[in-house]
């Protein structure tokens, strides 16, 4: 059954997931394309210790079984594409793409940080989701909310927490930081001002039902979501790629130095 804006009965079924962090989260949702609401039918979130390749299939099967739904009953799929864990994104997206192609269903690519903004109701102020990117950086973006309407102020990127604090403070408060990156750098964030807050840890964990809500809005804007076009958005070179780039730059400098001295 293909997802259609006129298909209201029965409600289209969306399978959504997120493997961009150490948590594996999967949700089966009914999507009301008239109201734009996603109703969770069955969800699972577990700390998979980044072993997504071992836990994802079991999590998906459990979610479907608990709701009494077969793979063939699905209308569409949604998966986060980054930023986040390089391995988690690759594993999750490869699994979801294979499933979408086998079922001949659309696959909606959802930016990880956009989905995180749907974890909690946030009517006014500035919201900054941050994911730990290691190497003293976080993946993040800045969002402005006015009367519950979201505007994305910065692009997704990897940078220092100080960068995101400075970008956030250009907007109106209050300022709410969330995610494991916010927890890791909470001291630096809380020292930025009295209108700065950090959401409790459980309010910043990825949840697949938030992915589904973001996916439904994306689909309603554009129903064309070819699984083959879904790709990870890393927003940073991997450690191996960075090391290779640095090595090549050093070799180029050495070569230039030798040429100049000859």
C-alpha atoms as a PDB file:
ATOM      1  CA  UNK A   1       0.000   0.000   0.000  1.00  0.00           C
ATOM      2  CA  UNK A   2       1.733   3.190  -1.142  1.00  0.00           C
ATOM      3  CA  UNK A   3       1.502   6.286   1.010  1.00  0.00           C
ATOM      4  CA  UNK A   4      -0.920   8.793  -0.490  1.00  0.00           C
ATOM      5  CA  UNK A   5      -2.254  12.141   0.743  1.00  0.00           C
ATOM      6  CA  UNK A   6      -5.764  10.927  -0.050  1.00  0.00           C
ATOM      7  CA  UNK A   7      -5.282   7.596   1.688  1.00  0.00           C
ATOM      8  CA  UNK A   8      -6.915   8.132   5.069  1.00  0.00           C
ATOM      9  CA  UNK A   9      -8.561   4.792   5.749  1.00  0.00           C
ATOM     10  CA  UNK A  10      -6.769   2.770   6.861  1.00  0.00           C
ATOM     11  CA  UNK A  11      -4.079   5.165   8.000  1.00  0.00           C
ATOM     12  CA  UNK A  12      -0.782   4.577   6.164  1.00  0.00           C
ATOM     13  CA  UNK A  13       1.801   2.653   8.184  1.00  0.00           C
ATOM     14  CA  UNK A  14       5.320   4.017   8.475  1.00  0.00           C
ATOM     15  CA  UNK A  15       8.320   2.140   9.875  1.00  0.00           C
ATOM     16  CA  UNK A  16      10.908   4.619  11.163  1.00  0.00           C
ATOM     17  CA  UNK A  17      14.346   4.174  12.691  1.00  0.00           C
ATOM     18  CA  UNK A  18      17.443   5.926  13.980  1.00  0.00           C
ATOM     19  CA  UNK A  19      20.897   4.383  14.411  1.00  0.00           C
ATOM     20  CA  UNK A  20      22.908   7.613  14.381  1.00  0.00           C
ATOM     21  CA  UNK A  21      24.059   7.173  18.011  1.00  0.00           C
ATOM     22  CA  UNK A  22      24.707   4.215  20.291  1.00  0.00           C
ATOM     23  CA  UNK A  23      20.957   3.815  20.662  1.00  0.00           C
ATOM     24  CA  UNK A  24      18.892   1.744  18.251  1.00  0.00           C
ATOM     25  CA  UNK A  25      15.323   3.029  18.055  1.00  0.00           C
ATOM     26  CA  UNK A  26      12.502   1.738  15.853  1.00  0.00           C
ATOM     27  CA  UNK A  27       8.835   2.760  15.664  1.00  0.00           C
ATOM     28  CA  UNK A  28       5.769   1.702  13.728  1.00  0.00           C
ATOM     29  CA  UNK A  29       3.394   4.643  13.321  1.00  0.00           C
ATOM     30  CA  UNK A  30       0.028   5.371  11.760  1.00  0.00           C
ATOM     31  CA  UNK A  31       0.306   8.537   9.671  1.00  0.00           C
ATOM     32  CA  UNK A  32      -2.709  10.782   9.248  1.00  0.00           C
ATOM     33  CA  UNK A  33      -1.872  12.707   6.105  1.00  0.00           C
ATOM     34  CA  UNK A  34      -4.786  15.098   6.568  1.00  0.00           C
ATOM     35  CA  UNK A  35      -3.848  16.338  10.045  1.00  0.00           C
ATOM     36  CA  UNK A  36      -0.111  15.640   9.743  1.00  0.00           C
ATOM     37  CA  UNK A  37      -0.123  13.534  12.909  1.00  0.00           C
ATOM     38  CA  UNK A  38       1.907  10.379  13.532  1.00  0.00           C
ATOM     39  CA  UNK A  39       0.437   7.946  16.074  1.00  0.00           C
ATOM     40  CA  UNK A  40       2.943   5.425  17.522  1.00  0.00           C
ATOM     41  CA  UNK A  41       1.608   1.855  17.465  1.00  0.00           C
ATOM     42  CA  UNK A  42       4.712   0.041  18.659  1.00  0.00           C
ATOM     43  CA  UNK A  43       8.161   1.359  19.593  1.00  0.00           C
ATOM     44  CA  UNK A  44      11.503   0.073  20.844  1.00  0.00           C
ATOM     45  CA  UNK A  45      14.589   1.942  21.989  1.00  0.00           C
ATOM     46  CA  UNK A  46      17.642   0.143  23.330  1.00  0.00           C
ATOM     47  CA  UNK A  47      21.247   0.938  24.045  1.00  0.00           C
ATOM     48  CA  UNK A  48      22.849  -1.312  21.460  1.00  0.00           C
ATOM     49  CA  UNK A  49      26.385  -0.175  22.324  1.00  0.00           C
ATOM     50  CA  UNK A  50      26.733   0.704  18.616  1.00  0.00           C
ATOM     51  CA  UNK A  51      26.235  -2.967  17.676  1.00  0.00           C
ATOM     52  CA  UNK A  52      23.403  -2.036  15.342  1.00  0.00           C
ATOM     53  CA  UNK A  53      24.167  -4.781  12.835  1.00  0.00           C
ATOM     54  CA  UNK A  54      23.373  -7.348  15.544  1.00  0.00           C
ATOM     55  CA  UNK A  55      20.285  -5.693  17.042  1.00  0.00           C
ATOM     56  CA  UNK A  56      18.441  -3.877  14.259  1.00  0.00           C
ATOM     57  CA  UNK A  57      16.640  -6.764  12.566  1.00  0.00           C
ATOM     58  CA  UNK A  58      15.448  -8.149  15.898  1.00  0.00           C
ATOM     59  CA  UNK A  59      14.192  -4.722  16.974  1.00  0.00           C
ATOM     60  CA  UNK A  60      12.280  -4.245  13.713  1.00  0.00           C
ATOM     61  CA  UNK A  61      10.708  -7.709  13.895  1.00  0.00           C
ATOM     62  CA  UNK A  62       9.667  -7.166  17.524  1.00  0.00           C
ATOM     63  CA  UNK A  63       8.021  -3.819  16.750  1.00  0.00           C
ATOM     64  CA  UNK A  64       6.042  -5.312  13.861  1.00  0.00           C
ATOM     65  CA  UNK A  65       5.054  -8.448  15.777  1.00  0.00           C
ATOM     66  CA  UNK A  66       3.822  -6.464  18.778  1.00  0.00           C
ATOM     67  CA  UNK A  67       1.522  -4.453  16.505  1.00  0.00           C
ATOM     68  CA  UNK A  68       0.408  -7.497  14.504  1.00  0.00           C
ATOM     69  CA  UNK A  69       1.764  -5.991  11.291  1.00  0.00           C
ATOM     70  CA  UNK A  70       3.645  -7.754   8.486  1.00  0.00           C
ATOM     71  CA  UNK A  71       6.356  -6.201   6.327  1.00  0.00           C
ATOM     72  CA  UNK A  72       3.941  -6.262   3.403  1.00  0.00           C
ATOM     73  CA  UNK A  73       1.488  -4.046   5.318  1.00  0.00           C
ATOM     74  CA  UNK A  74       3.925  -1.132   5.466  1.00  0.00           C
ATOM     75  CA  UNK A  75       3.267   2.000   3.421  1.00  0.00           C
ATOM     76  CA  UNK A  76       6.685   3.649   3.640  1.00  0.00           C
ATOM     77  CA  UNK A  77       9.916   3.745   5.606  1.00  0.00           C
ATOM     78  CA  UNK A  78      11.950   6.522   7.198  1.00  0.00           C
ATOM     79  CA  UNK A  79      15.517   6.555   8.490  1.00  0.00           C
ATOM     80  CA  UNK A  80      17.880   9.212   9.782  1.00  0.00           C
ATOM     81  CA  UNK A  81      20.802   9.961   7.482  1.00  0.00           C
ATOM     82  CA  UNK A  82      23.074  11.948   9.783  1.00  0.00           C
ATOM     83  CA  UNK A  83      25.037  13.477  11.197  1.00  0.00           C
ATOM     84  CA  UNK A  84      26.058  10.889  13.751  1.00  0.00           C
ATOM     85  CA  UNK A  85      28.069   7.708  14.144  1.00  0.00           C
ATOM     86  CA  UNK A  86      29.655   6.769  10.814  1.00  0.00           C
ATOM     87  CA  UNK A  87      29.147   3.038  11.391  1.00  0.00           C
ATOM     88  CA  UNK A  88      25.635   3.452  12.793  1.00  0.00           C
ATOM     89  CA  UNK A  89      24.517   5.511   9.824  1.00  0.00           C
ATOM     90  CA  UNK A  90      25.968   3.074   7.305  1.00  0.00           C
ATOM     91  CA  UNK A  91      24.424   0.020   8.964  1.00  0.00           C
ATOM     92  CA  UNK A  92      21.008   1.585   9.508  1.00  0.00           C
ATOM     93  CA  UNK A  93      20.680   3.104   6.085  1.00  0.00           C
ATOM     94  CA  UNK A  94      21.892  -0.033   4.295  1.00  0.00           C
ATOM     95  CA  UNK A  95      19.289  -2.120   6.134  1.00  0.00           C
ATOM     96  CA  UNK A  96      16.471   0.350   5.510  1.00  0.00           C
ATOM     97  CA  UNK A  97      17.381   0.763   1.826  1.00  0.00           C
ATOM     98  CA  UNK A  98      17.408  -2.985   1.298  1.00  0.00           C
ATOM     99  CA  UNK A  99      14.033  -3.291   2.995  1.00  0.00           C
ATOM    100  CA  UNK A 100      12.521  -0.420   1.008  1.00  0.00           C
ATOM    101  CA  UNK A 101      13.760  -1.819  -2.294  1.00  0.00           C
ATOM    102  CA  UNK A 102      12.504  -5.314  -1.461  1.00  0.00           C
ATOM    103  CA  UNK A 103       9.068  -3.987  -0.489  1.00  0.00           C
ATOM    104  CA  UNK A 104       9.049  -1.417  -3.311  1.00  0.00           C
ATOM    105  CA  UNK A 105       8.187   1.320  -0.816  1.00  0.00           C
ATOM    106  CA  UNK A 106       9.442   4.914  -0.539  1.00  0.00           C
ATOM    107  CA  UNK A 107      12.269   5.635   1.888  1.00  0.00           C
ATOM    108  CA  UNK A 108      12.239   9.093   3.462  1.00  0.00           C
ATOM    109  CA  UNK A 109      15.670  10.430   4.435  1.00  0.00           C
ATOM    110  CA  UNK A 110      15.438  12.365   7.709  1.00  0.00           C
ATOM    111  CA  UNK A 111      18.246  14.629   8.995  1.00  0.00           C
ATOM    112  CA  UNK A 112      19.105  13.394  12.485  1.00  0.00           C
ATOM    113  CA  UNK A 113      19.154  16.825  14.116  1.00  0.00           C
ATOM    114  CA  UNK A 114      15.813  17.840  12.596  1.00  0.00           C
ATOM    115  CA  UNK A 115      14.233  14.750  14.144  1.00  0.00           C
ATOM    116  CA  UNK A 116      15.713  15.615  17.551  1.00  0.00           C
ATOM    117  CA  UNK A 117      13.860  18.937  17.537  1.00  0.00           C
ATOM    118  CA  UNK A 118      10.592  16.954  17.630  1.00  0.00           C
ATOM    119  CA  UNK A 119      11.378  15.161  20.880  1.00  0.00           C
ATOM    120  CA  UNK A 120       9.669  17.819  23.009  1.00  0.00           C
ATOM    121  CA  UNK A 121       7.145  20.625  22.536  1.00  0.00           C
ATOM    122  CA  UNK A 122       9.075  23.893  22.256  1.00  0.00           C
ATOM    123  CA  UNK A 123       6.892  26.937  21.514  1.00  0.00           C
ATOM    124  CA  UNK A 124       9.339  29.855  21.888  1.00  0.00           C
ATOM    125  CA  UNK A 125      13.078  30.364  21.939  1.00  0.00           C
ATOM    126  CA  UNK A 126      16.162  28.722  20.486  1.00  0.00           C
ATOM    127  CA  UNK A 127      16.785  24.982  20.403  1.00  0.00           C
ATOM    128  CA  UNK A 128      20.222  23.475  19.862  1.00  0.00           C
ATOM    129  CA  UNK A 129      20.501  19.657  19.501  1.00  0.00           C
ATOM    130  CA  UNK A 130      24.083  18.447  19.898  1.00  0.00           C
ATOM    131  CA  UNK A 131      25.550  14.990  19.301  1.00  0.00           C
ATOM    132  CA  UNK A 132      28.997  14.030  20.512  1.00  0.00           C
ATOM    133  CA  UNK A 133      31.319  13.923  17.487  1.00  0.00           C
ATOM    134  CA  UNK A 134      34.465  13.187  19.536  1.00  0.00           C
ATOM    135  CA  UNK A 135      37.767  14.962  18.895  1.00  0.00           C
ATOM    136  CA  UNK A 136      36.467  17.898  21.009  1.00  0.00           C
ATOM    137  CA  UNK A 137      33.625  18.583  18.560  1.00  0.00           C
ATOM    138  CA  UNK A 138      29.871  18.105  18.384  1.00  0.00           C
ATOM    139  CA  UNK A 139      27.450  17.704  15.509  1.00  0.00           C
ATOM    140  CA  UNK A 140      24.810  20.376  15.824  1.00  0.00           C
ATOM    141  CA  UNK A 141      22.525  23.031  14.385  1.00  0.00           C
ATOM    142  CA  UNK A 142      20.570  25.997  15.726  1.00  0.00           C
ATOM    143  CA  UNK A 143      16.778  26.274  15.421  1.00  0.00           C
ATOM    144  CA  UNK A 144      14.516  29.211  16.208  1.00  0.00           C
ATOM    145  CA  UNK A 145      10.934  28.607  17.413  1.00  0.00           C
ATOM    146  CA  UNK A 146       8.222  31.260  17.269  1.00  0.00           C
ATOM    147  CA  UNK A 147       4.668  30.283  18.253  1.00  0.00           C
ATOM    148  CA  UNK A 148       5.737  26.671  17.768  1.00  0.00           C
ATOM    149  CA  UNK A 149       6.946  27.280  14.192  1.00  0.00           C
ATOM    150  CA  UNK A 150      10.477  26.020  13.564  1.00  0.00           C
ATOM    151  CA  UNK A 151      13.087  27.860  11.519  1.00  0.00           C
ATOM    152  CA  UNK A 152      16.525  26.347  10.966  1.00  0.00           C
ATOM    153  CA  UNK A 153      19.119  29.066  11.556  1.00  0.00           C
ATOM    154  CA  UNK A 154      22.360  27.180  10.815  1.00  0.00           C
ATOM    155  CA  UNK A 155      23.231  24.178   8.685  1.00  0.00           C
ATOM    156  CA  UNK A 156      24.185  20.836  10.215  1.00  0.00           C
ATOM    157  CA  UNK A 157      27.909  20.784  10.892  1.00  0.00           C
ATOM    158  CA  UNK A 158      30.695  19.538  13.152  1.00  0.00           C
ATOM    159  CA  UNK A 159      32.263  22.261  15.295  1.00  0.00           C
ATOM    160  CA  UNK A 160      33.259  23.107  18.856  1.00  0.00           C
ATOM    161  CA  UNK A 161      30.529  23.556  21.443  1.00  0.00           C
ATOM    162  CA  UNK A 162      31.678  27.171  21.782  1.00  0.00           C
ATOM    163  CA  UNK A 163      30.755  27.757  18.138  1.00  0.00           C
ATOM    164  CA  UNK A 164      27.183  26.574  18.685  1.00  0.00           C
ATOM    165  CA  UNK A 165      26.849  28.572  21.892  1.00  0.00           C
ATOM    166  CA  UNK A 166      27.912  31.725  20.041  1.00  0.00           C
ATOM    167  CA  UNK A 167      25.537  31.030  17.142  1.00  0.00           C
ATOM    168  CA  UNK A 168      22.653  30.328  19.500  1.00  0.00           C
ATOM    169  CA  UNK A 169      23.159  33.535  21.462  1.00  0.00           C
ATOM    170  CA  UNK A 170      22.635  35.539  18.280  1.00  0.00           C
ATOM    171  CA  UNK A 171      18.973  34.474  18.515  1.00  0.00           C
ATOM    172  CA  UNK A 172      16.346  35.186  21.167  1.00  0.00           C
ATOM    173  CA  UNK A 173      16.199  33.123  24.366  1.00  0.00           C
ATOM    174  CA  UNK A 174      15.490  31.020  26.208  1.00  0.00           C
ATOM    175  CA  UNK A 175      18.135  28.623  24.885  1.00  0.00           C
ATOM    176  CA  UNK A 176      17.619  24.888  25.249  1.00  0.00           C
ATOM    177  CA  UNK A 177      20.470  22.488  24.451  1.00  0.00           C
ATOM    178  CA  UNK A 178      19.776  18.757  24.220  1.00  0.00           C
ATOM    179  CA  UNK A 179      21.445  15.499  23.211  1.00  0.00           C
ATOM    180  CA  UNK A 180      24.517  13.612  24.388  1.00  0.00           C
ATOM    181  CA  UNK A 181      26.765  16.407  23.129  1.00  0.00           C
ATOM    182  CA  UNK A 182      25.003  18.854  25.448  1.00  0.00           C
ATOM    183  CA  UNK A 183      25.457  16.462  28.362  1.00  0.00           C
ATOM    184  CA  UNK A 184      29.156  16.075  27.623  1.00  0.00           C
ATOM    185  CA  UNK A 185      29.821  19.829  27.558  1.00  0.00           C
ATOM    186  CA  UNK A 186      27.207  20.907  30.104  1.00  0.00           C
ATOM    187  CA  UNK A 187      29.624  23.087  32.130  1.00  0.00           C
ATOM    188  CA  UNK A 188      30.605  25.218  29.146  1.00  0.00           C
ATOM    189  CA  UNK A 189      26.981  25.513  28.037  1.00  0.00           C
ATOM    190  CA  UNK A 190      25.516  26.463  31.416  1.00  0.00           C
ATOM    191  CA  UNK A 191      28.174  29.124  31.936  1.00  0.00           C
ATOM    192  CA  UNK A 192      26.932  30.970  28.824  1.00  0.00           C
ATOM    193  CA  UNK A 193      24.053  32.809  30.557  1.00  0.00           C
ATOM    194  CA  UNK A 194      21.038  32.566  32.830  1.00  0.00           C
ATOM    195  CA  UNK A 195      18.603  31.860  29.978  1.00  0.00           C
ATOM    196  CA  UNK A 196      20.607  28.817  28.909  1.00  0.00           C
ATOM    197  CA  UNK A 197      19.269  25.379  29.834  1.00  0.00           C
ATOM    198  CA  UNK A 198      20.113  21.746  29.140  1.00  0.00           C
ATOM    199  CA  UNK A 199      17.299  19.240  28.660  1.00  0.00           C
ATOM    200  CA  UNK A 200      17.409  16.176  30.949  1.00  0.00           C
ATOM    201  CA  UNK A 201      19.222  13.218  29.433  1.00  0.00           C
ATOM    202  CA  UNK A 202      16.042  11.238  28.717  1.00  0.00           C
ATOM    203  CA  UNK A 203      14.599  14.220  26.815  1.00  0.00           C
ATOM    204  CA  UNK A 204      17.490  14.188  24.359  1.00  0.00           C
ATOM    205  CA  UNK A 205      17.716  10.519  23.440  1.00  0.00           C
ATOM    206  CA  UNK A 206      16.794   9.679  19.817  1.00  0.00           C
ATOM    207  CA  UNK A 207      13.289   8.289  19.372  1.00  0.00           C
ATOM    208  CA  UNK A 208      12.017   6.782  16.142  1.00  0.00           C
ATOM    209  CA  UNK A 209       8.523   8.251  16.563  1.00  0.00           C
ATOM    210  CA  UNK A 210      10.135  11.708  16.275  1.00  0.00           C
ATOM    211  CA  UNK A 211      11.811  10.498  13.063  1.00  0.00           C
ATOM    212  CA  UNK A 212       8.390   9.445  11.760  1.00  0.00           C
ATOM    213  CA  UNK A 213       6.876  12.852  12.576  1.00  0.00           C
ATOM    214  CA  UNK A 214       9.655  14.638  10.683  1.00  0.00           C
ATOM    215  CA  UNK A 215       9.384  12.153   7.801  1.00  0.00           C
ATOM    216  CA  UNK A 216       5.656  12.711   7.422  1.00  0.00           C
ATOM    217  CA  UNK A 217       6.154  16.457   7.048  1.00  0.00           C
ATOM    218  CA  UNK A 218       8.918  15.899   4.487  1.00  0.00           C
ATOM    219  CA  UNK A 219       6.725  13.521   2.525  1.00  0.00           C
ATOM    220  CA  UNK A 220       3.785  15.925   2.541  1.00  0.00           C
ATOM    221  CA  UNK A 221       6.098  18.558   1.039  1.00  0.00           C
ATOM    222  CA  UNK A 222       7.396  16.131  -1.602  1.00  0.00           C
ATOM    223  CA  UNK A 223       6.073  12.562  -2.057  1.00  0.00           C
ATOM    224  CA  UNK A 224       8.982  11.470  -4.288  1.00  0.00           C
ATOM    225  CA  UNK A 225      11.442   9.537  -2.094  1.00  0.00           C
ATOM    226  CA  UNK A 226      13.436   6.993  -4.083  1.00  0.00           C
ATOM    227  CA  UNK A 227      15.330   4.571  -1.771  1.00  0.00           C
ATOM    228  CA  UNK A 228      18.283   4.573  -4.157  1.00  0.00           C
ATOM    229  CA  UNK A 229      18.861   8.285  -3.521  1.00  0.00           C
ATOM    230  CA  UNK A 230      19.147   7.928   0.277  1.00  0.00           C
ATOM    231  CA  UNK A 231      22.760   8.479   1.367  1.00  0.00           C
ATOM    232  CA  UNK A 232      24.471   9.136   4.717  1.00  0.00           C
ATOM    233  CA  UNK A 233      25.282  12.771   5.562  1.00  0.00           C
ATOM    234  CA  UNK A 234      28.416  12.582   7.676  1.00  0.00           C
ATOM    235  CA  UNK A 235      29.305  16.314   7.692  1.00  0.00           C
ATOM    236  CA  UNK A 236      32.893  15.391   8.505  1.00  0.00           C
ATOM    237  CA  UNK A 237      35.617  13.139   7.187  1.00  0.00           C
ATOM    238  CA  UNK A 238      36.153   9.902   9.074  1.00  0.00           C
ATOM    239  CA  UNK A 239      39.260   9.622  11.270  1.00  0.00           C
ATOM    240  CA  UNK A 240      40.932   7.464   8.624  1.00  0.00           C
ATOM    241  CA  UNK A 241      40.125  10.014   5.906  1.00  0.00           C
ATOM    242  CA  UNK A 242      41.389  12.867   8.063  1.00  0.00           C
ATOM    243  CA  UNK A 243      44.626  10.995   8.772  1.00  0.00           C
ATOM    244  CA  UNK A 244      45.099  10.320   5.058  1.00  0.00           C
ATOM    245  CA  UNK A 245      44.408  13.954   4.201  1.00  0.00           C
ATOM    246  CA  UNK A 246      46.936  15.130   6.787  1.00  0.00           C
ATOM    247  CA  UNK A 247      49.511  12.632   5.531  1.00  0.00           C
ATOM    248  CA  UNK A 248      49.024  13.745   1.915  1.00  0.00           C
ATOM    249  CA  UNK A 249      49.320  17.389   2.952  1.00  0.00           C
ATOM    250  CA  UNK A 250      52.554  16.655   4.828  1.00  0.00           C
ATOM    251  CA  UNK A 251      53.962  14.772   1.851  1.00  0.00           C
ATOM    252  CA  UNK A 252      53.023  17.661  -0.457  1.00  0.00           C
ATOM    253  CA  UNK A 253      54.727  20.155   1.865  1.00  0.00           C
ATOM    254  CA  UNK A 254      57.835  17.987   2.030  1.00  0.00           C
ATOM    255  CA  UNK A 255      57.891  17.657  -1.756  1.00  0.00           C
ATOM    256  CA  UNK A 256      57.518  21.417  -2.191  1.00  0.00           C
ATOM    257  CA  UNK A 257      60.292  22.037   0.318  1.00  0.00           C
ATOM    258  CA  UNK A 258      62.655  19.675  -1.533  1.00  0.00           C
ATOM    259  CA  UNK A 259      61.858  21.344  -4.856  1.00  0.00           C
ATOM    260  CA  UNK A 260      62.548  24.770  -3.387  1.00  0.00           C
ATOM    261  CA  UNK A 261      65.917  23.770  -1.995  1.00  0.00           C
ATOM    262  CA  UNK A 262      67.159  22.085  -5.190  1.00  0.00           C
END
